[in-house]
Amino acid sequence: MENERDISIDIGEGDKDIEELKEVLSVLRSELPVLLKGLIEPIKEFMDLMYNSERARDRARAIASFYKELVDQGIPENLALNLTKEHFINPMAIIKELMKMKGEEG
C-alpha cells in the first residue's frame, strides 16, 4: 500500500512539473520573438556597415585618420595602435556585447 501512496505523490509532482513547463514555454513563446527582433535589427545594421563598400571605405578612412591624428599629436605608435584598436572595436566583440546586453534585459 505504501508504494501506491508514493506513486500517487510522484504523479502529482509530475503534473506540477508539467504545468511549470507549460508556463515556461508560454513565456518563451511570447518573449523570444521580441528578443530575436531586438537582436536582428542591430546585427542587420552592423552587417550593412561591414559589407557596404562605401560605408566600409568611410570606416577605414575614419580609423586611419584617428590613428594618424594620435601619432601626429605625439602619441607613441604602439600606444596609438592600442587606442585605435580599443576605439574601433572588432565586429565579434560588438555582436557578443549586444547579445550580452539583450540577455541581461531579459
C-alpha atoms as a PDB file:
ATOM      1  CA  MET A   1       0.000   0.000   0.000  1.00  0.00           C
ATOM      2  CA  GLU A   2       2.788   2.400   0.844  1.00  0.00           C
ATOM      3  CA  ASN A   3       4.175   2.009  -2.692  1.00  0.00           C
ATOM      4  CA  GLU A   4       0.821   3.083  -4.092  1.00  0.00           C
ATOM      5  CA  ARG A   5       0.926   6.247  -1.991  1.00  0.00           C
ATOM      6  CA  ASP A   6       4.432   7.068  -3.264  1.00  0.00           C
ATOM      7  CA  ILE A   7       3.297   6.591  -6.849  1.00  0.00           C
ATOM      8  CA  SER A   8       0.337   8.928  -6.444  1.00  0.00           C
ATOM      9  CA  ILE A   9       2.595  11.570  -4.895  1.00  0.00           C
ATOM     10  CA  ASP A  10       5.046  11.203  -7.775  1.00  0.00           C
ATOM     11  CA  ILE A  11       2.230  11.566 -10.291  1.00  0.00           C
ATOM     12  CA  GLY A  12       1.060  14.723  -8.533  1.00  0.00           C
ATOM     13  CA  GLU A  13       4.598  16.127  -8.665  1.00  0.00           C
ATOM     14  CA  GLY A  14       4.750  15.223 -12.353  1.00  0.00           C
ATOM     15  CA  ASP A  15       1.587  17.217 -13.010  1.00  0.00           C
ATOM     16  CA  LYS A  16       3.116  20.194 -11.221  1.00  0.00           C
ATOM     17  CA  ASP A  17       6.289  19.884 -13.315  1.00  0.00           C
ATOM     18  CA  ILE A  18       4.231  19.716 -16.498  1.00  0.00           C
ATOM     19  CA  GLU A  19       2.334  22.871 -15.535  1.00  0.00           C
ATOM     20  CA  GLU A  20       5.584  24.691 -14.767  1.00  0.00           C
ATOM     21  CA  LEU A  21       6.987  23.582 -18.114  1.00  0.00           C
ATOM     22  CA  LYS A  22       3.856  24.868 -19.865  1.00  0.00           C
ATOM     23  CA  GLU A  23       4.309  28.238 -18.160  1.00  0.00           C
ATOM     24  CA  VAL A  24       7.961  28.428 -19.183  1.00  0.00           C
ATOM     25  CA  LEU A  25       7.126  27.524 -22.783  1.00  0.00           C
ATOM     26  CA  SER A  26       4.347  30.107 -22.821  1.00  0.00           C
ATOM     27  CA  VAL A  27       6.734  32.826 -21.676  1.00  0.00           C
ATOM     28  CA  LEU A  28       9.314  31.727 -24.239  1.00  0.00           C
ATOM     29  CA  ARG A  29       6.719  31.751 -26.985  1.00  0.00           C
ATOM     30  CA  SER A  30       5.764  35.348 -26.197  1.00  0.00           C
ATOM     31  CA  GLU A  31       9.207  36.762 -25.314  1.00  0.00           C
ATOM     32  CA  LEU A  32      11.514  35.005 -27.787  1.00  0.00           C
ATOM     33  CA  PRO A  33      10.261  36.814 -30.915  1.00  0.00           C
ATOM     34  CA  VAL A  34      10.749  40.173 -29.189  1.00  0.00           C
ATOM     35  CA  LEU A  35      14.250  39.189 -28.090  1.00  0.00           C
ATOM     36  CA  LEU A  36      15.194  37.972 -31.558  1.00  0.00           C
ATOM     37  CA  LYS A  37      13.830  41.100 -33.210  1.00  0.00           C
ATOM     38  CA  GLY A  38      15.840  43.196 -30.773  1.00  0.00           C
ATOM     39  CA  LEU A  39      18.992  41.322 -31.791  1.00  0.00           C
ATOM     40  CA  ILE A  40      18.342  41.076 -35.508  1.00  0.00           C
ATOM     41  CA  GLU A  41      17.926  44.798 -36.226  1.00  0.00           C
ATOM     42  CA  PRO A  42      21.302  45.866 -34.772  1.00  0.00           C
ATOM     43  CA  ILE A  43      23.008  42.920 -36.457  1.00  0.00           C
ATOM     44  CA  LYS A  44      21.452  43.872 -39.811  1.00  0.00           C
ATOM     45  CA  GLU A  45      22.694  47.439 -39.389  1.00  0.00           C
ATOM     46  CA  PHE A  46      26.123  46.180 -38.421  1.00  0.00           C
ATOM     47  CA  MET A  47      26.281  43.811 -41.400  1.00  0.00           C
ATOM     48  CA  ASP A  48      25.300  46.673 -43.706  1.00  0.00           C
ATOM     49  CA  LEU A  49      28.138  48.711 -42.256  1.00  0.00           C
ATOM     50  CA  MET A  50      30.613  45.885 -42.766  1.00  0.00           C
ATOM     51  CA  TYR A  51      29.572  44.818 -46.260  1.00  0.00           C
ATOM     52  CA  ASN A  52      28.511  48.093 -47.847  1.00  0.00           C
ATOM     53  CA  SER A  53      31.654  49.092 -49.722  1.00  0.00           C
ATOM     54  CA  GLU A  54      31.104  52.827 -49.353  1.00  0.00           C
ATOM     55  CA  ARG A  55      30.459  52.599 -45.624  1.00  0.00           C
ATOM     56  CA  ALA A  56      33.433  50.251 -45.214  1.00  0.00           C
ATOM     57  CA  ARG A  57      35.630  52.747 -47.050  1.00  0.00           C
ATOM     58  CA  ASP A  58      34.381  55.567 -44.794  1.00  0.00           C
ATOM     59  CA  ARG A  59      35.085  53.461 -41.712  1.00  0.00           C
ATOM     60  CA  ALA A  60      38.598  52.653 -42.915  1.00  0.00           C
ATOM     61  CA  ARG A  61      39.254  56.354 -43.506  1.00  0.00           C
ATOM     62  CA  ALA A  62      37.990  57.178 -40.011  1.00  0.00           C
ATOM     63  CA  ILE A  63      40.231  54.522 -38.455  1.00  0.00           C
ATOM     64  CA  ALA A  64      43.291  55.704 -40.407  1.00  0.00           C
ATOM     65  CA  SER A  65      42.548  59.334 -39.599  1.00  0.00           C
ATOM     66  CA  PHE A  66      42.145  58.562 -35.901  1.00  0.00           C
ATOM     67  CA  TYR A  67      45.471  56.686 -35.778  1.00  0.00           C
ATOM     68  CA  LYS A  68      47.300  59.352 -37.811  1.00  0.00           C
ATOM     69  CA  GLU A  69      45.969  62.146 -35.618  1.00  0.00           C
ATOM     70  CA  LEU A  70      47.159  60.366 -32.479  1.00  0.00           C
ATOM     71  CA  VAL A  71      50.641  59.880 -33.915  1.00  0.00           C
ATOM     72  CA  ASP A  72      50.738  63.467 -35.234  1.00  0.00           C
ATOM     73  CA  GLN A  73      49.932  64.682 -31.719  1.00  0.00           C
ATOM     74  CA  GLY A  74      52.987  62.873 -30.334  1.00  0.00           C
ATOM     75  CA  ILE A  75      51.399  59.669 -29.068  1.00  0.00           C
ATOM     76  CA  PRO A  76      53.858  56.752 -29.453  1.00  0.00           C
ATOM     77  CA  GLU A  77      52.894  54.478 -32.362  1.00  0.00           C
ATOM     78  CA  ASN A  78      52.332  51.392 -30.210  1.00  0.00           C
ATOM     79  CA  LEU A  79      50.031  53.332 -27.854  1.00  0.00           C
ATOM     80  CA  ALA A  80      48.246  54.941 -30.817  1.00  0.00           C
ATOM     81  CA  LEU A  81      47.689  51.483 -32.283  1.00  0.00           C
ATOM     82  CA  ASN A  82      46.267  50.170 -28.989  1.00  0.00           C
ATOM     83  CA  LEU A  83      43.998  53.197 -28.621  1.00  0.00           C
ATOM     84  CA  THR A  84      42.806  52.740 -32.196  1.00  0.00           C
ATOM     85  CA  LYS A  85      42.064  49.056 -31.536  1.00  0.00           C
ATOM     86  CA  GLU A  86      40.101  49.964 -28.406  1.00  0.00           C
ATOM     87  CA  HIS A  87      38.206  52.763 -30.134  1.00  0.00           C
ATOM     88  CA  PHE A  88      37.298  50.727 -33.196  1.00  0.00           C
ATOM     89  CA  ILE A  89      36.122  47.506 -31.573  1.00  0.00           C
ATOM     90  CA  ASN A  90      36.252  44.303 -33.609  1.00  0.00           C
ATOM     91  CA  PRO A  91      32.933  43.075 -35.077  1.00  0.00           C
ATOM     92  CA  MET A  92      32.604  39.920 -32.979  1.00  0.00           C
ATOM     93  CA  ALA A  93      33.075  41.911 -29.770  1.00  0.00           C
ATOM     94  CA  ILE A  94      30.179  44.158 -30.770  1.00  0.00           C
ATOM     95  CA  ILE A  95      27.898  41.188 -31.511  1.00  0.00           C
ATOM     96  CA  LYS A  96      28.858  39.480 -28.251  1.00  0.00           C
ATOM     97  CA  GLU A  97      28.194  42.687 -26.309  1.00  0.00           C
ATOM     98  CA  LEU A  98      24.780  43.106 -27.968  1.00  0.00           C
ATOM     99  CA  MET A  99      23.823  39.556 -27.098  1.00  0.00           C
ATOM    100  CA  LYS A 100      25.051  40.024 -23.519  1.00  0.00           C
ATOM    101  CA  MET A 101      23.040  43.230 -23.141  1.00  0.00           C
ATOM    102  CA  LYS A 102      19.887  41.629 -24.530  1.00  0.00           C
ATOM    103  CA  GLY A 103      20.368  38.647 -22.226  1.00  0.00           C
ATOM    104  CA  GLU A 104      20.634  40.924 -19.200  1.00  0.00           C
ATOM    105  CA  GLU A 105      17.458  42.795 -20.213  1.00  0.00           C
ATOM    106  CA  GLY A 106      15.513  39.520 -20.441  1.00  0.00           C
END
